[in-house]
Amino acid sequence: MATIVQYTDAHPAHNGYPARIISPTRSSPCCFSSMEPVGGPQQEGRWMYQYKRCRTCGYAVRVVGREIPDTALLADFVSAERPRLLACPAPYIT
């Protein structure tokens, strides 16, 4: 997965989304509470991700949210012959 974030300490932090985001190489203590989304969720292949950037220092990351299920693989799994589990009755409580 390619990224638009360029990590460098030679240039000041800059939000040039969607073309390029220049970020410091290390996060700061302010990043824990100051991260905000940049742009909307995006999809690359079967992955959903979104960029987040610190309002205070400009540190940026790409956060991978989830993998999109492979519908063909899921359909093969559901249609495959496999033993069925029997439901166990609830225990009798007196």
PDB file of N, CA and C in Angstrom:
ATOM      1  N   MET A   1       0.835  -1.187   0.000  1.00  0.00           N
ATOM      2  CA  MET A   1       0.000   0.000   0.000  1.00  0.00           C
ATOM      3  C   MET A   1       0.876   1.245   0.000  1.00  0.00           C
ATOM      4  N   ALA A   2       0.737   2.053  -0.989  1.00  0.00           N
ATOM      5  CA  ALA A   2       1.463   3.320  -1.038  1.00  0.00           C
ATOM      6  C   ALA A   2       0.782   4.321  -0.106  1.00  0.00           C
ATOM      7  N   THR A   3       1.506   5.317   0.336  1.00  0.00           N
ATOM      8  CA  THR A   3       0.949   6.320   1.235  1.00  0.00           C
ATOM      9  C   THR A   3       1.290   7.718   0.727  1.00  0.00           C
ATOM     10  N   ILE A   4       0.471   8.686   1.075  1.00  0.00           N
ATOM     11  CA  ILE A   4       0.735  10.075   0.688  1.00  0.00           C
ATOM     12  C   ILE A   4       1.476  10.816   1.789  1.00  0.00           C
ATOM     13  N   VAL A   5       1.755  10.131   2.914  1.00  0.00           N
ATOM     14  CA  VAL A   5       2.447  10.774   4.027  1.00  0.00           C
ATOM     15  C   VAL A   5       3.953  10.695   3.802  1.00  0.00           C
ATOM     16  N   GLN A   6       4.609  11.843   3.868  1.00  0.00           N
ATOM     17  CA  GLN A   6       6.068  11.914   3.766  1.00  0.00           C
ATOM     18  C   GLN A   6       6.591  12.295   5.147  1.00  0.00           C
ATOM     19  N   TYR A   7       7.360  11.401   5.758  1.00  0.00           N
ATOM     20  CA  TYR A   7       7.895  11.656   7.090  1.00  0.00           C
ATOM     21  C   TYR A   7       9.275  12.298   6.973  1.00  0.00           C
ATOM     22  N   THR A   8       9.425  13.520   7.496  1.00  0.00           N
ATOM     23  CA  THR A   8      10.693  14.223   7.455  1.00  0.00           C
ATOM     24  C   THR A   8      10.735  15.286   8.549  1.00  0.00           C
ATOM     25  N   ASP A   9      11.931  15.539   9.051  1.00  0.00           N
ATOM     26  CA  ASP A   9      12.127  16.636   9.996  1.00  0.00           C
ATOM     27  C   ASP A   9      12.793  17.821   9.307  1.00  0.00           C
ATOM     28  N   ALA A  10      13.099  17.686   8.025  1.00  0.00           N
ATOM     29  CA  ALA A  10      13.760  18.755   7.273  1.00  0.00           C
ATOM     30  C   ALA A  10      12.789  19.837   6.821  1.00  0.00           C
ATOM     31  N   HIS A  11      11.504  19.519   6.762  1.00  0.00           N
ATOM     32  CA  HIS A  11      10.485  20.477   6.334  1.00  0.00           C
ATOM     33  C   HIS A  11       9.413  20.590   7.408  1.00  0.00           C
ATOM     34  N   PRO A  12       8.739  21.749   7.493  1.00  0.00           N
ATOM     35  CA  PRO A  12       7.651  21.874   8.474  1.00  0.00           C
ATOM     36  C   PRO A  12       6.446  21.016   8.071  1.00  0.00           C
ATOM     37  N   ALA A  13       5.662  20.618   9.070  1.00  0.00           N
ATOM     38  CA  ALA A  13       4.463  19.817   8.806  1.00  0.00           C
ATOM     39  C   ALA A  13       3.505  20.605   7.921  1.00  0.00           C
ATOM     40  N   HIS A  14       2.912  19.894   6.956  1.00  0.00           N
ATOM     41  CA  HIS A  14       2.008  20.559   6.015  1.00  0.00           C
ATOM     42  C   HIS A  14       0.927  19.572   5.579  1.00  0.00           C
ATOM     43  N   ASN A  15      -0.321  20.033   5.582  1.00  0.00           N
ATOM     44  CA  ASN A  15      -1.437  19.207   5.131  1.00  0.00           C
ATOM     45  C   ASN A  15      -1.768  19.573   3.692  1.00  0.00           C
ATOM     46  N   GLY A  16      -1.278  18.798   2.755  1.00  0.00           N
ATOM     47  CA  GLY A  16      -1.569  19.010   1.348  1.00  0.00           C
ATOM     48  C   GLY A  16      -2.499  17.940   0.810  1.00  0.00           C
ATOM     49  N   TYR A  17      -3.380  17.423   1.675  1.00  0.00           N
ATOM     50  CA  TYR A  17      -4.299  16.356   1.287  1.00  0.00           C
ATOM     51  C   TYR A  17      -5.131  16.817   0.103  1.00  0.00           C
ATOM     52  N   PRO A  18      -5.355  16.049  -0.902  1.00  0.00           N
ATOM     53  CA  PRO A  18      -5.098  14.618  -1.071  1.00  0.00           C
ATOM     54  C   PRO A  18      -3.789  14.278  -1.772  1.00  0.00           C
ATOM     55  N   ALA A  19      -2.983  15.267  -2.130  1.00  0.00           N
ATOM     56  CA  ALA A  19      -1.747  14.971  -2.859  1.00  0.00           C
ATOM     57  C   ALA A  19      -0.621  14.487  -1.954  1.00  0.00           C
ATOM     58  N   ARG A  20      -0.324  15.229  -0.877  1.00  0.00           N
ATOM     59  CA  ARG A  20       0.817  14.898  -0.023  1.00  0.00           C
ATOM     60  C   ARG A  20       0.597  15.486   1.359  1.00  0.00           C
ATOM     61  N   ILE A  21       0.965  14.760   2.396  1.00  0.00           N
ATOM     62  CA  ILE A  21       0.960  15.254   3.764  1.00  0.00           C
ATOM     63  C   ILE A  21       2.394  15.137   4.275  1.00  0.00           C
ATOM     64  N   ILE A  22       2.969  16.247   4.699  1.00  0.00           N
ATOM     65  CA  ILE A  22       4.313  16.230   5.266  1.00  0.00           C
ATOM     66  C   ILE A  22       4.168  16.163   6.779  1.00  0.00           C
ATOM     67  N   SER A  23       4.811  15.173   7.371  1.00  0.00           N
ATOM     68  CA  SER A  23       4.641  14.883   8.791  1.00  0.00           C
ATOM     69  C   SER A  23       5.995  14.780   9.480  1.00  0.00           C
ATOM     70  N   PRO A  24       6.069  15.163  10.762  1.00  0.00           N
ATOM     71  CA  PRO A  24       7.290  14.883  11.526  1.00  0.00           C
ATOM     72  C   PRO A  24       7.518  13.373  11.609  1.00  0.00           C
ATOM     73  N   THR A  25       8.759  12.973  11.859  1.00  0.00           N
ATOM     74  CA  THR A  25       9.074  11.545  11.894  1.00  0.00           C
ATOM     75  C   THR A  25       8.585  10.850  13.153  1.00  0.00           C
ATOM     76  N   ARG A  26       8.347  11.603  14.226  1.00  0.00           N
ATOM     77  CA  ARG A  26       7.905  10.999  15.488  1.00  0.00           C
ATOM     78  C   ARG A  26       6.660  11.689  16.006  1.00  0.00           C
ATOM     79  N   SER A  27       5.827  10.914  16.684  1.00  0.00           N
ATOM     80  CA  SER A  27       4.649  11.494  17.319  1.00  0.00           C
ATOM     81  C   SER A  27       5.066  12.209  18.606  1.00  0.00           C
ATOM     82  N   SER A  28       4.188  13.066  19.104  1.00  0.00           N
ATOM     83  CA  SER A  28       4.416  13.816  20.337  1.00  0.00           C
ATOM     84  C   SER A  28       3.322  13.458  21.339  1.00  0.00           C
ATOM     85  N   PRO A  29       3.475  13.847  22.600  1.00  0.00           N
ATOM     86  CA  PRO A  29       2.425  13.575  23.580  1.00  0.00           C
ATOM     87  C   PRO A  29       1.068  14.178  23.203  1.00  0.00           C
ATOM     88  N   CYS A  30       1.069  15.271  22.448  1.00  0.00           N
ATOM     89  CA  CYS A  30      -0.185  15.911  22.051  1.00  0.00           C
ATOM     90  C   CYS A  30      -0.997  15.049  21.089  1.00  0.00           C
ATOM     91  N   CYS A  31      -0.361  14.119  20.393  1.00  0.00           N
ATOM     92  CA  CYS A  31      -1.038  13.303  19.379  1.00  0.00           C
ATOM     93  C   CYS A  31      -2.110  12.390  19.974  1.00  0.00           C
ATOM     94  N   PHE A  32      -1.945  12.013  21.225  1.00  0.00           N
ATOM     95  CA  PHE A  32      -2.902  11.097  21.850  1.00  0.00           C
ATOM     96  C   PHE A  32      -4.312  11.675  21.852  1.00  0.00           C
ATOM     97  N   SER A  33      -4.441  12.977  22.070  1.00  0.00           N
ATOM     98  CA  SER A  33      -5.775  13.585  22.180  1.00  0.00           C
ATOM     99  C   SER A  33      -6.108  14.546  21.044  1.00  0.00           C
ATOM    100  N   SER A  34      -5.181  14.798  20.132  1.00  0.00           N
ATOM    101  CA  SER A  34      -5.423  15.814  19.099  1.00  0.00           C
ATOM    102  C   SER A  34      -5.533  15.274  17.678  1.00  0.00           C
ATOM    103  N   MET A  35      -5.630  13.968  17.506  1.00  0.00           N
ATOM    104  CA  MET A  35      -5.707  13.424  16.148  1.00  0.00           C
ATOM    105  C   MET A  35      -7.103  13.650  15.567  1.00  0.00           C
ATOM    106  N   GLU A  36      -7.140  14.120  14.315  1.00  0.00           N
ATOM    107  CA  GLU A  36      -8.415  14.333  13.631  1.00  0.00           C
ATOM    108  C   GLU A  36      -8.353  13.697  12.251  1.00  0.00           C
ATOM    109  N   PRO A  37      -9.492  13.221  11.744  1.00  0.00           N
ATOM    110  CA  PRO A  37      -9.492  12.609  10.409  1.00  0.00           C
ATOM    111  C   PRO A  37      -9.205  13.639   9.328  1.00  0.00           C
ATOM    112  N   VAL A  38      -8.493  13.201   8.308  1.00  0.00           N
ATOM    113  CA  VAL A  38      -8.203  14.032   7.137  1.00  0.00           C
ATOM    114  C   VAL A  38      -8.853  13.334   5.953  1.00  0.00           C
ATOM    115  N   GLY A  39      -9.833  13.962   5.330  1.00  0.00           N
ATOM    116  CA  GLY A  39     -10.546  13.325   4.231  1.00  0.00           C
ATOM    117  C   GLY A  39     -11.459  12.226   4.743  1.00  0.00           C
ATOM    118  N   GLY A  40     -12.029  11.492   3.835  1.00  0.00           N
ATOM    119  CA  GLY A  40     -12.949  10.421   4.198  1.00  0.00           C
ATOM    120  C   GLY A  40     -12.296   9.063   4.089  1.00  0.00           C
ATOM    121  N   PRO A  41     -13.020   8.023   4.490  1.00  0.00           N
ATOM    122  CA  PRO A  41     -12.491   6.660   4.344  1.00  0.00           C
ATOM    123  C   PRO A  41     -12.242   6.340   2.873  1.00  0.00           C
ATOM    124  N   GLN A  42     -11.170   5.595   2.626  1.00  0.00           N
ATOM    125  CA  GLN A  42     -10.804   5.212   1.267  1.00  0.00           C
ATOM    126  C   GLN A  42     -10.613   3.708   1.208  1.00  0.00           C
ATOM    127  N   GLN A  43     -10.683   3.182   0.009  1.00  0.00           N
ATOM    128  CA  GLN A  43     -10.517   1.746  -0.191  1.00  0.00           C
ATOM    129  C   GLN A  43      -9.376   1.500  -1.153  1.00  0.00           C
ATOM    130  N   GLU A  44      -8.509   0.554  -0.778  1.00  0.00           N
ATOM    131  CA  GLU A  44      -7.460   0.098  -1.677  1.00  0.00           C
ATOM    132  C   GLU A  44      -7.458  -1.418  -1.625  1.00  0.00           C
ATOM    133  N   GLY A  45      -7.783  -2.041  -2.735  1.00  0.00           N
ATOM    134  CA  GLY A  45      -7.920  -3.488  -2.740  1.00  0.00           C
ATOM    135  C   GLY A  45      -9.086  -3.893  -1.851  1.00  0.00           C
ATOM    136  N   ARG A  46      -8.818  -4.740  -0.870  1.00  0.00           N
ATOM    137  CA  ARG A  46      -9.862  -5.161   0.068  1.00  0.00           C
ATOM    138  C   ARG A  46      -9.720  -4.474   1.418  1.00  0.00           C
ATOM    139  N   TRP A  47      -9.010  -3.364   1.499  1.00  0.00           N
ATOM    140  CA  TRP A  47      -8.764  -2.687   2.772  1.00  0.00           C
ATOM    141  C   TRP A  47      -9.385  -1.293   2.786  1.00  0.00           C
ATOM    142  N   MET A  48      -9.977  -0.928   3.925  1.00  0.00           N
ATOM    143  CA  MET A  48     -10.501   0.421   4.149  1.00  0.00           C
ATOM    144  C   MET A  48      -9.515   1.145   5.070  1.00  0.00           C
ATOM    145  N   TYR A  49      -9.193   2.383   4.743  1.00  0.00           N
ATOM    146  CA  TYR A  49      -8.272   3.150   5.571  1.00  0.00           C
ATOM    147  C   TYR A  49      -8.645   4.623   5.546  1.00  0.00           C
ATOM    148  N   GLN A  50      -8.058   5.381   6.467  1.00  0.00           N
ATOM    149  CA  GLN A  50      -8.283   6.818   6.541  1.00  0.00           C
ATOM    150  C   GLN A  50      -7.034   7.463   7.147  1.00  0.00           C
ATOM    151  N   TYR A  51      -6.718   8.662   6.692  1.00  0.00           N
ATOM    152  CA  TYR A  51      -5.582   9.390   7.246  1.00  0.00           C
ATOM    153  C   TYR A  51      -6.039  10.181   8.462  1.00  0.00           C
ATOM    154  N   LYS A  52      -5.152  10.261   9.471  1.00  0.00           N
ATOM    155  CA  LYS A  52      -5.407  11.091  10.644  1.00  0.00           C
ATOM    156  C   LYS A  52      -4.178  11.939  10.897  1.00  0.00           C
ATOM    157  N   ARG A  53      -4.413  13.168  11.371  1.00  0.00           N
ATOM    158  CA  ARG A  53      -3.331  14.120  11.567  1.00  0.00           C
ATOM    159  C   ARG A  53      -3.532  14.859  12.882  1.00  0.00           C
ATOM    160  N   CYS A  54      -2.443  15.101  13.614  1.00  0.00           N
ATOM    161  CA  CYS A  54      -2.508  15.818  14.878  1.00  0.00           C
ATOM    162  C   CYS A  54      -2.715  17.303  14.605  1.00  0.00           C
ATOM    163  N   ARG A  55      -3.716  17.884  15.266  1.00  0.00           N
ATOM    164  CA  ARG A  55      -4.003  19.315  15.102  1.00  0.00           C
ATOM    165  C   ARG A  55      -2.869  20.187  15.624  1.00  0.00           C
ATOM    166  N   THR A  56      -2.126  19.685  16.602  1.00  0.00           N
ATOM    167  CA  THR A  56      -1.104  20.492  17.265  1.00  0.00           C
ATOM    168  C   THR A  56       0.251  20.451  16.561  1.00  0.00           C
ATOM    169  N   CYS A  57       0.787  19.247  16.346  1.00  0.00           N
ATOM    170  CA  CYS A  57       2.149  19.154  15.793  1.00  0.00           C
ATOM    171  C   CYS A  57       2.202  18.736  14.328  1.00  0.00           C
ATOM    172  N   GLY A  58       1.097  18.214  13.774  1.00  0.00           N
ATOM    173  CA  GLY A  58       1.067  17.839  12.365  1.00  0.00           C
ATOM    174  C   GLY A  58       1.462  16.411  12.064  1.00  0.00           C
ATOM    175  N   TYR A  59       1.738  15.602  13.092  1.00  0.00           N
ATOM    176  CA  TYR A  59       2.086  14.194  12.866  1.00  0.00           C
ATOM    177  C   TYR A  59       0.900  13.498  12.205  1.00  0.00           C
ATOM    178  N   ALA A  60       1.160  12.703  11.165  1.00  0.00           N
ATOM    179  CA  ALA A  60       0.085  12.057  10.401  1.00  0.00           C
ATOM    180  C   ALA A  60       0.336  10.559  10.270  1.00  0.00           C
ATOM    181  N   VAL A  61      -0.749   9.809  10.228  1.00  0.00           N
ATOM    182  CA  VAL A  61      -0.685   8.355  10.032  1.00  0.00           C
ATOM    183  C   VAL A  61      -1.842   7.922   9.145  1.00  0.00           C
ATOM    184  N   ARG A  62      -1.681   6.763   8.550  1.00  0.00           N
ATOM    185  CA  ARG A  62      -2.787   6.144   7.832  1.00  0.00           C
ATOM    186  C   ARG A  62      -3.307   5.026   8.721  1.00  0.00           C
ATOM    187  N   VAL A  63      -4.560   5.110   9.077  1.00  0.00           N
ATOM    188  CA  VAL A  63      -5.184   4.127   9.962  1.00  0.00           C
ATOM    189  C   VAL A  63      -5.962   3.140   9.106  1.00  0.00           C
ATOM    190  N   VAL A  64      -5.566   1.876   9.166  1.00  0.00           N
ATOM    191  CA  VAL A  64      -6.282   0.830   8.431  1.00  0.00           C
ATOM    192  C   VAL A  64      -7.452   0.402   9.297  1.00  0.00           C
ATOM    193  N   GLY A  65      -8.665   0.597   8.770  1.00  0.00           N
ATOM    194  CA  GLY A  65      -9.856   0.333   9.544  1.00  0.00           C
ATOM    195  C   GLY A  65     -10.273  -1.120   9.556  1.00  0.00           C
ATOM    196  N   ARG A  66     -10.419  -1.712   8.374  1.00  0.00           N
ATOM    197  CA  ARG A  66     -10.888  -3.090   8.314  1.00  0.00           C
ATOM    198  C   ARG A  66     -10.610  -3.669   6.941  1.00  0.00           C
ATOM    199  N   GLU A  67     -10.718  -4.986   6.877  1.00  0.00           N
ATOM    200  CA  GLU A  67     -10.601  -5.683   5.610  1.00  0.00           C
ATOM    201  C   GLU A  67     -12.001  -5.961   5.094  1.00  0.00           C
ATOM    202  N   ILE A  68     -12.219  -5.726   3.830  1.00  0.00           N
ATOM    203  CA  ILE A  68     -13.511  -5.994   3.210  1.00  0.00           C
ATOM    204  C   ILE A  68     -13.568  -7.490   2.893  1.00  0.00           C
ATOM    205  N   PRO A  69     -14.633  -8.165   3.311  1.00  0.00           N
ATOM    206  CA  PRO A  69     -14.706  -9.619   3.092  1.00  0.00           C
ATOM    207  C   PRO A  69     -14.658  -9.988   1.609  1.00  0.00           C
ATOM    208  N   ASP A  70     -14.028 -11.094   1.326  1.00  0.00           N
ATOM    209  CA  ASP A  70     -13.982 -11.645  -0.025  1.00  0.00           C
ATOM    210  C   ASP A  70     -15.281 -12.423  -0.231  1.00  0.00           C
ATOM    211  N   THR A  71     -16.223 -11.863  -0.980  1.00  0.00           N
ATOM    212  CA  THR A  71     -17.550 -12.470  -1.117  1.00  0.00           C
ATOM    213  C   THR A  71     -17.497 -13.838  -1.794  1.00  0.00           C
ATOM    214  N   ALA A  72     -16.591 -14.031  -2.746  1.00  0.00           N
ATOM    215  CA  ALA A  72     -16.485 -15.329  -3.416  1.00  0.00           C
ATOM    216  C   ALA A  72     -16.000 -16.395  -2.434  1.00  0.00           C
ATOM    217  N   LEU A  73     -15.018 -16.059  -1.617  1.00  0.00           N
ATOM    218  CA  LEU A  73     -14.506 -17.001  -0.632  1.00  0.00           C
ATOM    219  C   LEU A  73     -15.572 -17.317   0.416  1.00  0.00           C
ATOM    220  N   LEU A  74     -16.301 -16.302   0.829  1.00  0.00           N
ATOM    221  CA  LEU A  74     -17.372 -16.489   1.812  1.00  0.00           C
ATOM    222  C   LEU A  74     -18.479 -17.378   1.247  1.00  0.00           C
ATOM    223  N   ALA A  75     -18.835 -17.185  -0.016  1.00  0.00           N
ATOM    224  CA  ALA A  75     -19.868 -18.009  -0.650  1.00  0.00           C
ATOM    225  C   ALA A  75     -19.420 -19.470  -0.734  1.00  0.00           C
ATOM    226  N   ASP A  76     -18.151 -19.708  -1.051  1.00  0.00           N
ATOM    227  CA  ASP A  76     -17.633 -21.086  -1.093  1.00  0.00           C
ATOM    228  C   ASP A  76     -17.695 -21.723   0.280  1.00  0.00           C
ATOM    229  N   PHE A  77     -17.382 -20.977   1.312  1.00  0.00           N
ATOM    230  CA  PHE A  77     -17.407 -21.509   2.669  1.00  0.00           C
ATOM    231  C   PHE A  77     -18.828 -21.874   3.092  1.00  0.00           C
ATOM    232  N   VAL A  78     -19.778 -21.017   2.798  1.00  0.00           N
ATOM    233  CA  VAL A  78     -21.163 -21.250   3.200  1.00  0.00           C
ATOM    234  C   VAL A  78     -21.757 -22.436   2.447  1.00  0.00           C
ATOM    235  N   SER A  79     -21.423 -22.575   1.182  1.00  0.00           N
ATOM    236  CA  SER A  79     -22.014 -23.647   0.379  1.00  0.00           C
ATOM    237  C   SER A  79     -21.298 -24.990   0.562  1.00  0.00           C
ATOM    238  N   ALA A  80     -20.136 -25.020   1.156  1.00  0.00           N
ATOM    239  CA  ALA A  80     -19.365 -26.259   1.314  1.00  0.00           C
ATOM    240  C   ALA A  80     -20.069 -27.216   2.270  1.00  0.00           C
ATOM    241  N   GLU A  81     -19.915 -28.503   1.978  1.00  0.00           N
ATOM    242  CA  GLU A  81     -20.468 -29.523   2.870  1.00  0.00           C
ATOM    243  C   GLU A  81     -19.598 -29.581   4.114  1.00  0.00           C
ATOM    244  N   ARG A  82     -20.215 -29.429   5.255  1.00  0.00           N
ATOM    245  CA  ARG A  82     -19.485 -29.527   6.509  1.00  0.00           C
ATOM    246  C   ARG A  82     -20.433 -30.056   7.582  1.00  0.00           C
ATOM    247  N   PRO A  83     -19.912 -30.719   8.583  1.00  0.00           N
ATOM    248  CA  PRO A  83     -20.788 -31.237   9.634  1.00  0.00           C
ATOM    249  C   PRO A  83     -21.482 -30.092  10.363  1.00  0.00           C
ATOM    250  N   ARG A  84     -22.729 -30.315  10.673  1.00  0.00           N
ATOM    251  CA  ARG A  84     -23.491 -29.293  11.393  1.00  0.00           C
ATOM    252  C   ARG A  84     -23.422 -29.569  12.885  1.00  0.00           C
ATOM    253  N   LEU A  85     -23.304 -28.506  13.656  1.00  0.00           N
ATOM    254  CA  LEU A  85     -23.274 -28.648  15.103  1.00  0.00           C
ATOM    255  C   LEU A  85     -24.700 -28.756  15.617  1.00  0.00           C
ATOM    256  N   LEU A  86     -24.902 -29.647  16.539  1.00  0.00           N
ATOM    257  CA  LEU A  86     -26.223 -29.803  17.126  1.00  0.00           C
ATOM    258  C   LEU A  86     -26.385 -28.806  18.265  1.00  0.00           C
ATOM    259  N   ALA A  87     -27.555 -28.231  18.347  1.00  0.00           N
ATOM    260  CA  ALA A  87     -27.811 -27.294  19.430  1.00  0.00           C
ATOM    261  C   ALA A  87     -27.946 -28.058  20.730  1.00  0.00           C
ATOM    262  N   CYS A  88     -27.276 -27.578  21.740  1.00  0.00           N
ATOM    263  CA  CYS A  88     -27.367 -28.203  23.067  1.00  0.00           C
ATOM    264  C   CYS A  88     -28.526 -27.578  23.816  1.00  0.00           C
ATOM    265  N   PRO A  89     -29.326 -28.394  24.485  1.00  0.00           N
ATOM    266  CA  PRO A  89     -30.427 -27.809  25.249  1.00  0.00           C
ATOM    267  C   PRO A  89     -29.870 -27.012  26.420  1.00  0.00           C
ATOM    268  N   ALA A  90     -30.630 -26.045  26.865  1.00  0.00           N
ATOM    269  CA  ALA A  90     -30.229 -25.235  28.009  1.00  0.00           C
ATOM    270  C   ALA A  90     -30.210 -26.110  29.254  1.00  0.00           C
ATOM    271  N   PRO A  91     -29.278 -25.880  30.172  1.00  0.00           N
ATOM    272  CA  PRO A  91     -29.231 -26.698  31.376  1.00  0.00           C
ATOM    273  C   PRO A  91     -30.475 -26.465  32.227  1.00  0.00           C
ATOM    274  N   TYR A  92     -30.904 -27.541  32.887  1.00  0.00           N
ATOM    275  CA  TYR A  92     -32.091 -27.466  33.745  1.00  0.00           C
ATOM    276  C   TYR A  92     -31.676 -26.871  35.081  1.00  0.00           C
ATOM    277  N   ILE A  93     -32.263 -25.761  35.436  1.00  0.00           N
ATOM    278  CA  ILE A  93     -31.936 -25.093  36.689  1.00  0.00           C
ATOM    279  C   ILE A  93     -33.116 -25.220  37.631  1.00  0.00           C
ATOM    280  N   THR A  94     -32.858 -25.686  38.845  1.00  0.00           N
ATOM    281  CA  THR A  94     -33.946 -25.830  39.824  1.00  0.00           C
ATOM    282  C   THR A  94     -33.957 -24.701  40.805  1.00  0.00           C
TER     283      THR A  94
END
